[in-house]
Protein backbone atom coordinates (compact mmCIF):
# COMPACT_ATOMS: atom_id res chain seq x y z
CA UNK A 1 78.93 78.98 97.55
CA UNK A 2 81.10 77.85 100.46
CA UNK A 3 83.63 80.01 102.29
CA UNK A 4 86.58 77.65 102.67
CA UNK A 5 89.33 78.15 105.24
CA UNK A 6 92.69 76.55 104.53
CA UNK A 7 94.29 75.01 107.64
CA UNK A 8 97.98 74.17 107.91
CA UNK A 9 99.94 73.09 110.98
CA UNK A 10 102.62 70.60 111.95
CA UNK A 11 100.45 69.23 114.78
CA UNK A 12 96.91 67.89 115.17
CA UNK A 13 96.42 70.32 118.02
CA UNK A 14 97.32 73.19 115.71
CA UNK A 15 94.82 72.04 113.09
CA UNK A 16 92.13 71.68 115.76
CA UNK A 17 92.76 75.21 117.05
CA UNK A 18 92.66 76.64 113.52
CA UNK A 19 89.44 74.77 112.74
CA UNK A 20 87.76 76.24 115.80
CA UNK A 21 88.85 79.78 114.88
CA UNK A 22 87.82 79.35 111.22
CA UNK A 23 84.30 78.19 112.11
CA UNK A 24 83.92 81.12 114.52
CA UNK A 25 84.90 83.37 111.59
CA UNK A 26 82.06 81.89 109.54
CA UNK A 27 83.97 79.41 107.37
CA UNK A 28 81.47 76.90 105.99
CA UNK A 29 84.06 74.43 104.68
CA UNK A 30 87.51 73.48 106.00
CA UNK A 31 90.46 72.31 103.95
CA UNK A 32 92.95 70.35 106.04
CA UNK A 33 96.42 70.63 104.56
CA UNK A 34 98.07 67.57 106.12
CA UNK A 35 101.42 67.78 104.33
CA UNK A 36 102.93 69.85 107.16
CA UNK A 37 102.16 67.29 109.89
CA UNK A 38 105.24 65.83 111.51
CA UNK A 39 103.43 62.59 112.28
CA UNK A 40 100.15 61.36 110.81
CA UNK A 41 98.04 59.44 113.31
CA UNK A 42 94.83 58.12 111.77
CA UNK A 43 93.36 57.76 115.25
CA UNK A 44 94.02 61.42 116.07
CA UNK A 45 92.74 62.54 112.66
CA UNK A 46 89.57 60.47 113.08
CA UNK A 47 88.97 62.11 116.45
CA UNK A 48 89.54 65.57 114.97
CA UNK A 49 87.26 64.97 111.98
CA UNK A 50 84.50 63.59 114.23
CA UNK A 51 84.36 66.94 116.03
CA UNK A 52 84.05 69.02 112.84
CA UNK A 53 80.45 69.85 111.92
CA UNK A 54 81.15 71.53 108.56
CA UNK A 55 82.23 69.81 105.30
CA UNK A 56 85.90 68.78 105.17
CA UNK A 57 88.50 68.62 102.39
CA UNK A 58 91.73 66.71 102.87
CA UNK A 59 94.82 67.76 100.93
CA UNK A 60 98.33 66.37 100.98
CA UNK A 61 100.15 68.87 98.80
CA UNK A 62 103.39 67.79 97.14
CA UNK A 63 106.54 69.88 96.92
CA UNK A 64 106.12 70.21 93.17
CA UNK A 65 102.93 72.14 93.84
CA UNK A 66 104.22 74.40 96.63
CA UNK A 67 103.45 71.82 99.33
CA UNK A 68 105.59 70.18 101.98
CA UNK A 69 105.17 66.49 101.23
CA UNK A 70 108.48 64.75 100.54
CA UNK A 71 107.02 61.23 100.49
CA UNK A 72 107.95 58.98 97.58
CA UNK A 73 105.13 58.82 95.05
CA UNK A 74 104.01 55.31 96.01
CA UNK A 75 103.88 56.17 99.72
CA UNK A 76 101.97 59.35 98.99
CA UNK A 77 99.40 57.45 96.93
CA UNK A 78 98.95 54.89 99.73
CA UNK A 79 98.44 57.72 102.21
CA UNK A 80 95.84 59.44 100.02
CA UNK A 81 93.89 56.21 99.62
CA UNK A 82 93.88 55.70 103.38
CA UNK A 83 92.72 59.28 103.96
CA UNK A 84 89.86 58.81 101.49
CA UNK A 85 88.43 56.11 103.79
CA UNK A 86 88.05 58.58 106.65
CA UNK A 87 85.08 60.76 107.63
CA UNK A 88 85.65 63.45 105.00
CA UNK A 89 83.60 64.99 102.21
CA UNK A 90 86.27 65.86 99.65
CA UNK A 91 89.83 64.89 98.82
CA UNK A 92 92.18 67.01 96.71
CA UNK A 93 94.21 65.27 93.98
CA UNK A 94 96.92 66.84 91.87
CA UNK A 95 96.94 66.47 88.12
CA UNK A 96 98.61 64.51 86.57
CA UNK A 97 100.33 62.67 89.45
CA UNK A 98 97.18 61.41 91.20
CA UNK A 99 95.04 60.48 88.18
CA UNK A 100 95.53 56.75 88.74
CA UNK A 101 93.81 57.08 92.12
CA UNK A 102 90.60 58.62 90.80
CA UNK A 103 88.73 55.32 90.12
CA UNK A 104 89.73 53.96 93.56
CA UNK A 105 88.03 56.56 95.74
CA UNK A 106 84.76 55.69 97.58
CA UNK A 107 81.59 57.15 96.07
CA UNK A 108 80.78 59.13 99.21
CA UNK A 109 83.97 61.24 98.82
CA UNK A 110 84.13 63.73 95.98
CA UNK A 111 87.44 64.35 94.25
CA UNK A 112 88.80 67.84 93.67
CA UNK A 113 91.22 67.53 90.77
CA UNK A 114 93.70 70.42 90.92
CA UNK A 115 95.56 71.95 88.00
CA UNK A 116 98.28 74.45 88.91
CA UNK A 117 100.55 76.92 87.18
CA UNK A 118 102.44 79.17 89.58
CA UNK A 119 104.20 81.06 86.79
CA UNK A 120 101.41 81.83 84.33
CA UNK A 121 98.72 79.95 82.42
CA UNK A 122 100.81 78.02 79.89
CA UNK A 123 100.87 74.78 81.94
CA UNK A 124 97.07 74.61 82.07
CA UNK A 125 95.79 72.69 79.05
CA UNK A 126 92.06 73.31 79.10
CA UNK A 127 91.47 70.79 76.32
CA UNK A 128 92.90 68.13 78.65
CA UNK A 129 90.51 69.21 81.38
CA UNK A 130 87.56 68.93 78.99
CA UNK A 131 88.70 65.44 77.99
CA UNK A 132 89.02 64.29 81.63
CA UNK A 133 85.54 65.58 82.40
CA UNK A 134 84.13 63.32 79.70
CA UNK A 135 85.47 60.28 81.56
CA UNK A 136 84.89 61.50 85.12
CA UNK A 137 81.95 63.95 85.12
CA UNK A 138 81.60 63.94 88.94
CA UNK A 139 85.02 65.54 89.47
CA UNK A 140 85.29 69.03 90.91
CA UNK A 141 87.79 70.85 88.72
CA UNK A 142 90.11 73.28 90.47
CA UNK A 143 92.30 75.60 88.39
CA UNK A 144 94.91 77.69 90.17
CA UNK A 145 96.89 79.75 87.68
CA UNK A 146 98.84 83.01 87.74
CA UNK A 147 97.53 85.75 85.46
CA UNK A 148 100.22 88.26 84.58
CA UNK A 149 97.93 90.69 82.76
CA UNK A 150 94.29 91.49 82.10
CA UNK A 151 94.18 89.18 79.07
CA UNK A 152 95.20 86.24 81.27
CA UNK A 153 92.52 87.19 83.76
CA UNK A 154 89.90 87.08 81.01
CA UNK A 155 91.11 83.59 80.03
CA UNK A 156 90.37 82.41 83.57
CA UNK A 157 86.89 83.93 83.30
CA UNK A 158 86.33 82.15 79.98
CA UNK A 159 87.40 78.78 81.42
CA UNK A 160 85.09 79.24 84.40
CA UNK A 161 82.14 80.12 82.20
CA UNK A 162 82.72 77.07 79.97
CA UNK A 163 82.74 74.81 83.04
CA UNK A 164 79.65 76.57 84.37
CA UNK A 165 77.82 76.20 81.05
CA UNK A 166 78.55 72.46 81.09
CA UNK A 167 77.36 72.12 84.71
CA UNK A 168 80.80 71.05 85.95
CA UNK A 169 81.47 71.93 89.59
CA UNK A 170 84.64 74.00 89.69
CA UNK A 171 86.88 76.46 91.49
CA UNK A 172 88.82 78.82 89.21
CA UNK A 173 91.33 80.96 91.09
CA UNK A 174 93.85 83.51 89.92
CA UNK A 175 97.05 83.42 91.95
CA UNK A 176 99.03 86.55 92.76
CA UNK A 177 97.86 90.13 93.20
CA UNK A 178 96.17 90.55 89.84
CA UNK A 179 94.29 87.30 90.45
CA UNK A 180 92.72 88.51 93.71
CA UNK A 181 89.65 89.70 91.85
CA UNK A 182 88.76 86.02 91.19
CA UNK A 183 88.56 85.44 94.93
CA UNK A 184 85.91 88.10 95.47
CA UNK A 185 84.02 87.42 92.23
CA UNK A 186 83.33 83.77 93.05
CA UNK A 187 79.65 84.08 92.21
CA UNK A 188 80.45 85.53 88.78
CA UNK A 189 82.85 82.66 88.11
CA UNK A 190 80.38 80.04 89.31
CA UNK A 191 82.83 78.68 91.89
CA UNK A 192 81.49 76.11 94.34
CA UNK A 193 83.69 77.63 97.02
CA UNK A 194 86.37 80.26 97.54
CA UNK A 195 89.44 79.82 99.72
CA UNK A 196 90.30 82.33 102.43
CA UNK A 197 93.06 82.75 104.97
CA UNK A 198 92.09 82.60 108.63
CA UNK A 199 94.62 85.25 109.53
CA UNK A 200 97.96 86.51 108.28
CA UNK A 201 99.70 84.34 110.88
CA UNK A 202 97.31 81.37 111.03
CA UNK A 203 96.64 78.70 108.44
CA UNK A 204 97.89 78.27 104.90
CA UNK A 205 100.38 81.06 104.17
CA UNK A 206 101.72 80.11 100.75
CA UNK A 207 98.98 80.66 98.18
CA UNK A 208 99.89 83.86 96.31
CA UNK A 209 97.13 86.44 96.47
CA UNK A 210 95.24 84.77 99.32
CA UNK A 211 92.74 87.08 101.03
CA UNK A 212 91.50 86.83 104.60
CA UNK A 213 88.21 85.10 105.40
CA UNK A 214 86.70 88.40 106.50
CA UNK A 215 87.36 89.94 103.08
CA UNK A 216 85.95 86.93 101.22
CA UNK A 217 82.88 86.95 103.46
CA UNK A 218 82.28 90.63 102.65
CA UNK A 219 82.43 89.78 98.95
CA UNK A 220 79.63 87.22 99.32
CA UNK A 221 77.18 90.02 100.11
CA UNK A 222 75.80 91.25 96.75
CA UNK A 223 75.44 94.75 98.25
CA UNK A 224 79.19 95.05 98.94
CA UNK A 225 80.89 97.84 96.99
CA UNK A 226 83.89 96.53 94.99
CA UNK A 227 86.43 99.26 94.27
CA UNK A 228 89.42 98.91 91.97
CA UNK A 229 92.59 100.96 92.03
CA UNK A 230 95.28 101.24 89.38
CA UNK A 231 98.59 102.74 90.42
CA UNK A 232 100.08 101.78 93.77
CA UNK A 233 100.28 105.19 95.41
CA UNK A 234 98.51 105.37 98.79
CA UNK A 235 96.68 102.06 98.24
CA UNK A 236 96.61 101.07 101.91
CA UNK A 237 95.14 104.46 102.86
CA UNK A 238 92.47 104.25 100.18
CA UNK A 239 91.57 100.73 101.29
CA UNK A 240 91.27 101.61 104.97
CA UNK A 241 89.53 104.92 104.39
CA UNK A 242 86.90 103.75 101.92
CA UNK A 243 86.06 100.65 103.96
CA UNK A 244 85.67 102.76 107.09
CA UNK A 245 83.52 105.43 105.43
CA UNK A 246 81.18 102.86 103.95
CA UNK A 247 80.97 101.14 107.33
CA UNK A 248 79.78 104.44 108.84
CA UNK A 249 77.09 104.47 106.15
CA UNK A 250 76.00 100.92 107.00
CA UNK A 251 77.60 99.37 103.93
CA UNK A 252 80.53 97.09 103.13
CA UNK A 253 83.38 97.74 100.70
CA UNK A 254 86.46 96.00 99.33
CA UNK A 255 89.33 97.81 97.61
CA UNK A 256 91.64 95.87 95.29
CA UNK A 257 94.78 97.09 93.57
CA UNK A 258 95.20 95.94 89.96
CA UNK A 259 98.85 96.08 88.83
CA UNK A 260 99.20 97.23 85.21
CA UNK A 261 102.25 97.62 83.02
CA UNK A 262 100.96 98.63 79.62
CA UNK A 263 98.35 100.99 78.23
CA UNK A 264 96.67 98.14 76.34
CA UNK A 265 96.03 96.38 79.66
CA UNK A 266 94.39 99.52 80.99
CA UNK A 267 92.11 99.70 77.95
CA UNK A 268 91.09 96.07 78.48
CA UNK A 269 90.38 96.77 82.15
CA UNK A 270 88.27 99.84 81.35
CA UNK A 271 86.12 97.87 78.92
CA UNK A 272 85.64 95.21 81.57
CA UNK A 273 84.66 97.81 84.17
CA UNK A 274 81.83 98.88 81.87
CA UNK A 275 80.50 95.34 82.25
CA UNK A 276 80.56 95.52 86.05
CA UNK A 277 83.97 94.23 87.15
CA UNK A 278 84.21 97.07 89.70
CA UNK A 279 81.67 99.54 91.02
CA UNK A 280 84.18 102.30 90.44
CA UNK A 281 87.88 102.88 89.87
CA UNK A 282 90.51 104.97 91.66
CA UNK A 283 93.40 106.06 89.46
CA UNK A 284 96.90 107.07 90.59
CA UNK A 285 100.42 107.57 89.24
CA UNK A 286 100.96 107.93 85.47
CA UNK A 287 97.58 106.36 84.70
CA UNK A 288 95.84 109.60 85.73
CA UNK A 289 97.27 111.31 82.66
CA UNK A 290 96.89 108.43 80.22
CA UNK A 291 93.35 107.47 81.13
CA UNK A 292 91.86 110.84 80.14
CA UNK A 293 91.99 109.76 76.50
CA UNK A 294 89.66 106.79 77.09
CA UNK A 295 86.74 108.42 78.91
CA UNK A 296 83.25 108.53 77.43
CA UNK A 297 82.43 111.64 79.42
CA UNK A 298 84.53 113.96 81.52
CA UNK A 299 83.61 116.16 84.43
CA UNK A 300 84.53 119.84 84.40
CA UNK A 301 87.38 119.08 86.83
CA UNK A 302 89.15 117.11 84.08
CA UNK A 303 88.62 119.87 81.54
CA UNK A 304 90.53 122.21 83.85
CA UNK A 305 93.34 119.80 84.81
CA UNK A 306 93.68 117.15 82.05
CA UNK A 307 93.93 114.50 84.76
CA UNK A 308 91.53 111.80 85.93
CA UNK A 309 91.85 110.08 89.31
CA UNK A 310 88.36 108.63 89.65
CA UNK A 311 85.93 106.84 87.33
CA UNK A 312 82.37 105.69 87.79
CA UNK A 313 80.16 103.95 85.25
CA UNK A 314 76.88 105.59 84.24
CA UNK A 315 74.75 103.73 81.67
CA UNK A 316 77.77 101.74 80.50
CA UNK A 317 79.77 104.93 79.99
CA UNK A 318 83.02 105.78 81.77
CA UNK A 319 82.63 109.14 83.49
CA UNK A 320 85.87 110.65 84.80
CA UNK A 321 86.59 113.11 87.61
CA UNK A 322 89.56 114.76 89.26
CA UNK A 323 88.63 114.74 92.93
CA UNK A 324 91.76 116.72 93.83
CA UNK A 325 90.35 119.69 91.94
CA UNK A 326 87.33 119.69 94.25
CA UNK A 327 89.54 119.20 97.30
CA UNK A 328 91.40 122.42 96.47
CA UNK A 329 88.10 124.17 95.78
CA UNK A 330 86.66 123.17 99.17
CA UNK A 331 89.82 124.06 101.11
CA UNK A 332 90.00 127.60 99.76
CA UNK A 333 86.33 128.54 99.47
CA UNK A 334 86.43 130.77 102.57
CA UNK A 335 89.46 132.65 101.22
CA UNK A 336 87.89 133.06 97.78
CA UNK A 337 84.92 134.84 99.33
CA UNK A 338 87.27 137.44 100.80
CA UNK A 339 89.84 137.59 97.98
CA UNK A 340 88.28 136.73 94.66
CA UNK A 341 91.61 136.17 92.90
CA UNK A 342 94.28 135.28 95.46
CA UNK A 343 97.99 135.20 94.63
CA UNK A 344 99.05 131.55 94.72
CA UNK A 345 102.50 129.99 94.94
CA UNK A 346 102.89 126.33 93.96
CA UNK A 347 106.11 124.66 95.08
CA UNK A 348 106.90 121.54 93.05
CA UNK A 349 104.49 119.60 90.91
CA UNK A 350 102.50 116.50 91.84
CA UNK A 351 98.86 115.64 91.27
CA UNK A 352 97.69 118.06 93.97
CA UNK A 353 99.88 120.80 92.53
CA UNK A 354 98.43 120.29 89.06
CA UNK A 355 94.90 120.31 90.46
CA UNK A 356 95.66 123.57 92.26
CA UNK A 357 97.05 125.15 89.10
CA UNK A 358 93.96 124.15 87.11
CA UNK A 359 91.54 125.39 89.76
CA UNK A 360 93.17 128.72 90.57
CA UNK A 361 93.70 129.66 86.93
CA UNK A 362 90.03 128.84 86.27
CA UNK A 363 89.07 131.63 88.73
CA UNK A 364 91.64 134.03 87.23
CA UNK A 365 94.13 133.91 90.08
CA UNK A 366 97.78 134.75 89.61
CA UNK A 367 99.63 131.42 89.95
CA UNK A 368 103.40 131.17 90.28
CA UNK A 369 105.17 127.85 90.04
CA UNK A 370 108.62 126.78 91.10
CA UNK A 371 109.78 123.33 90.08
CA UNK A 372 113.25 121.83 90.03
CA UNK A 373 112.62 119.92 86.80
CA UNK A 374 112.65 122.43 83.96
CA UNK A 375 110.99 120.07 81.46
CA UNK A 376 107.95 119.63 83.72
CA UNK A 377 107.73 123.39 84.16
CA UNK A 378 107.89 123.94 80.41
CA UNK A 379 105.15 121.37 79.80
CA UNK A 380 102.91 123.05 82.34
CA UNK A 381 103.60 126.48 80.84
CA UNK A 382 102.50 125.17 77.46
CA UNK A 383 99.36 123.65 79.00
CA UNK A 384 98.58 126.81 81.00
CA UNK A 385 99.88 129.94 79.20
CA UNK A 386 98.85 132.17 82.15
CA UNK A 387 101.03 130.21 84.58
CA UNK A 388 104.01 132.24 85.83
CA UNK A 389 107.49 130.83 86.30
CA UNK A 390 108.84 131.93 89.68
CA UNK A 391 112.02 133.21 87.99
CA UNK A 392 109.93 135.78 86.13
CA UNK A 393 107.47 136.65 88.87
CA UNK A 394 107.36 140.13 90.38
CA UNK A 395 104.85 139.16 93.05
CA UNK A 396 106.15 139.73 96.56
CA UNK A 397 103.19 138.77 98.73
CA UNK A 398 101.23 135.55 98.35
CA UNK A 399 97.92 134.52 99.87
CA UNK A 400 98.09 130.75 99.40
CA UNK A 401 100.95 128.26 99.19
CA UNK A 402 100.52 124.74 97.80
CA UNK A 403 103.51 122.58 98.67
CA UNK A 404 104.35 119.39 96.76
CA UNK A 405 107.94 118.92 97.97
CA UNK A 406 108.42 116.18 100.60
CA UNK A 407 111.15 117.91 102.57
CA UNK A 408 111.31 116.56 106.09
CA UNK A 409 110.76 112.93 105.12
CA UNK A 410 113.56 110.42 105.84
CA UNK A 411 116.52 111.00 103.53
CA UNK A 412 115.43 114.53 102.57
CA UNK A 413 116.44 117.89 104.07
CA UNK A 414 114.75 119.00 107.28
CA UNK A 415 114.15 122.45 105.91
CA UNK A 416 111.31 124.59 104.63
CA UNK A 417 110.94 123.89 100.89
CA UNK A 418 110.19 127.53 99.98
CA UNK A 419 112.12 130.73 100.71
CA UNK A 420 111.06 132.05 104.10
CA UNK A 421 110.09 135.36 102.49
CA UNK A 422 107.20 133.54 100.82
CA UNK A 423 105.71 132.77 104.25
CA UNK A 424 105.49 136.36 105.46
CA UNK A 425 101.96 137.25 104.35
CA UNK A 426 100.49 133.84 103.68
CA UNK A 427 96.98 133.10 104.88
CA UNK A 428 96.80 129.42 103.94
CA UNK A 429 99.32 126.60 103.35
CA UNK A 430 98.13 123.38 101.71
CA UNK A 431 100.76 120.69 102.15
CA UNK A 432 100.18 117.63 99.95
CA UNK A 433 102.85 115.52 101.68
CA UNK A 434 101.44 112.64 103.73
CA UNK A 435 103.83 112.40 106.66
CA UNK A 436 104.11 112.67 110.44
CA UNK A 437 103.18 115.94 112.10
CA UNK A 438 106.67 117.44 112.30
CA UNK A 439 107.17 118.55 108.68
CA UNK A 440 109.10 121.81 108.28
CA UNK A 441 106.11 123.84 107.08
CA UNK A 442 103.97 122.68 109.99
CA UNK A 443 106.70 123.78 112.38
CA UNK A 444 106.84 127.23 110.75
CA UNK A 445 103.17 127.75 111.49
CA UNK A 446 104.19 128.91 114.97
CA UNK A 447 106.39 131.65 113.51
CA UNK A 448 104.02 132.88 110.80
CA UNK A 449 100.34 133.63 110.96
CA UNK A 450 98.88 131.17 108.43
CA UNK A 451 96.43 128.28 108.53
CA UNK A 452 98.12 124.94 107.81
CA UNK A 453 96.39 121.99 106.10
CA UNK A 454 98.56 118.87 106.10
CA UNK A 455 98.68 116.03 103.58
CA UNK A 456 96.64 113.72 105.78
CA UNK A 457 93.72 116.13 105.78
CA UNK A 458 94.05 116.61 102.01
CA UNK A 459 93.88 112.85 101.53
CA UNK A 460 90.83 112.52 103.76
CA UNK A 461 89.14 115.19 101.68
CA UNK A 462 89.90 113.11 98.56
CA UNK A 463 88.19 110.12 100.16
CA UNK A 464 85.15 112.21 101.04
CA UNK A 465 84.94 113.61 97.49
CA UNK A 466 84.88 110.05 96.11
CA UNK A 467 82.03 109.05 98.44
CA UNK A 468 80.19 112.29 97.61
CA UNK A 469 80.39 111.66 93.85
CA UNK A 470 79.08 108.12 94.24
CA UNK A 471 76.47 108.62 96.97
CA UNK A 472 75.66 112.33 96.91
CA UNK A 473 76.53 112.67 100.59
CA UNK A 474 79.31 111.78 103.01
CA UNK A 475 79.72 110.95 106.68
CA UNK A 476 81.08 113.80 108.83
CA UNK A 477 84.76 114.45 108.25
CA UNK A 478 85.44 114.23 111.97
CA UNK A 479 84.24 110.61 111.98
CA UNK A 480 87.44 109.44 110.26
CA UNK A 481 90.05 108.41 112.81
CA UNK A 482 93.27 109.90 111.45
CA UNK A 483 95.53 107.92 113.76
CA UNK A 484 94.06 104.61 112.54
CA UNK A 485 93.98 105.56 108.86
CA UNK A 486 97.65 106.61 108.91
CA UNK A 487 98.82 104.27 111.66
CA UNK A 488 101.96 103.15 109.84
CA UNK A 489 103.42 106.62 109.30
């Protein structure tokens, strides 16, 4: 399977520069998008093509298919015929506008017949494709469509497998974010090549869901770990962190976010994961609560928290974990040795807060919660009858504080989220907020004698727990470069 770089420039010199960069980045096929050229010189193109040692595709994309060509149809057809006479290996035609040209192309140039739908799948009539193949079996069929849900994605897989079964060379690509999985599962789809972007600022910038060449190249290695994530929270940190940790272990990884809207889509995705779509799945946002109901087996951490933020497949069974439960456990283990049942104060409720509540109650600690949303507090009180509402607590001195309130972030008060009296005898503060280093609680560390663990360290511990569950061991925590992982804070 070829790794194809898509080149786009308004000058021959620009295309030449991009071609050189793409080949250095291991592209094995180059697609020359010529519709952006200000002037087409066949002499200059011939010179450029003569210097290219990898297979070449020529495309002159029309405006009705997200291209830049404004030529009248007859002029465009004349141009395509002239281009087909040049030193190229493939030429891209658009269905249905270029069908009349198919019989006129020299035998030494293969035709890629492209079918597009940038809004969904409805404009792709697969029966029409099957009929065309009967008349022109040497065509390479390219389908670029936009799946809007998991069901659409499975339709693309079905089309690809039908083409593969009938020995028809093809490229089936899902456009948009949810379609990115098709770009790294090219082998599964039987694609003859997969398109990649040279760089975010170089080459073809328009194809929705385009991934960089380096990512596509990683996917071609069968040993690469493919990780899915549902829920958008902290995606860029998961992607950077997991890729870096696997690199330290001598492995490659790709992390893809799969946008979901409905529970039924999630169920379809989970069934697909059992069949190997991803090596494992990270779960965030509301899906952590919903997904618990669809596990085949659950780890003890889920029993204690009723939340699942990580899934791996064991013997075609979905096994769920709550890594945040183990993060809390590891952060407080030294304190538990000294104080078997510490007094714990939880300010606000997020996933870390819920994990803390589940863990500390499981070791018979006294846990007090303060939350500004009474309905959430009531739900937690029903789930954990031993949980204490701060309004009814008589505890004066606490050992551990778990903060879930993002005070100090832009637009929020620059103040300590808990009453200062809470800080007096604290030994440990776990702050779940991922933010710069000047959060109010971190500043109070100078005035009170407690150990402070910030949200960045908590997140790194989550990454390490994931790697530990999958591999049984992790690289040293100090090997993660915090400034790179959170460089955009």
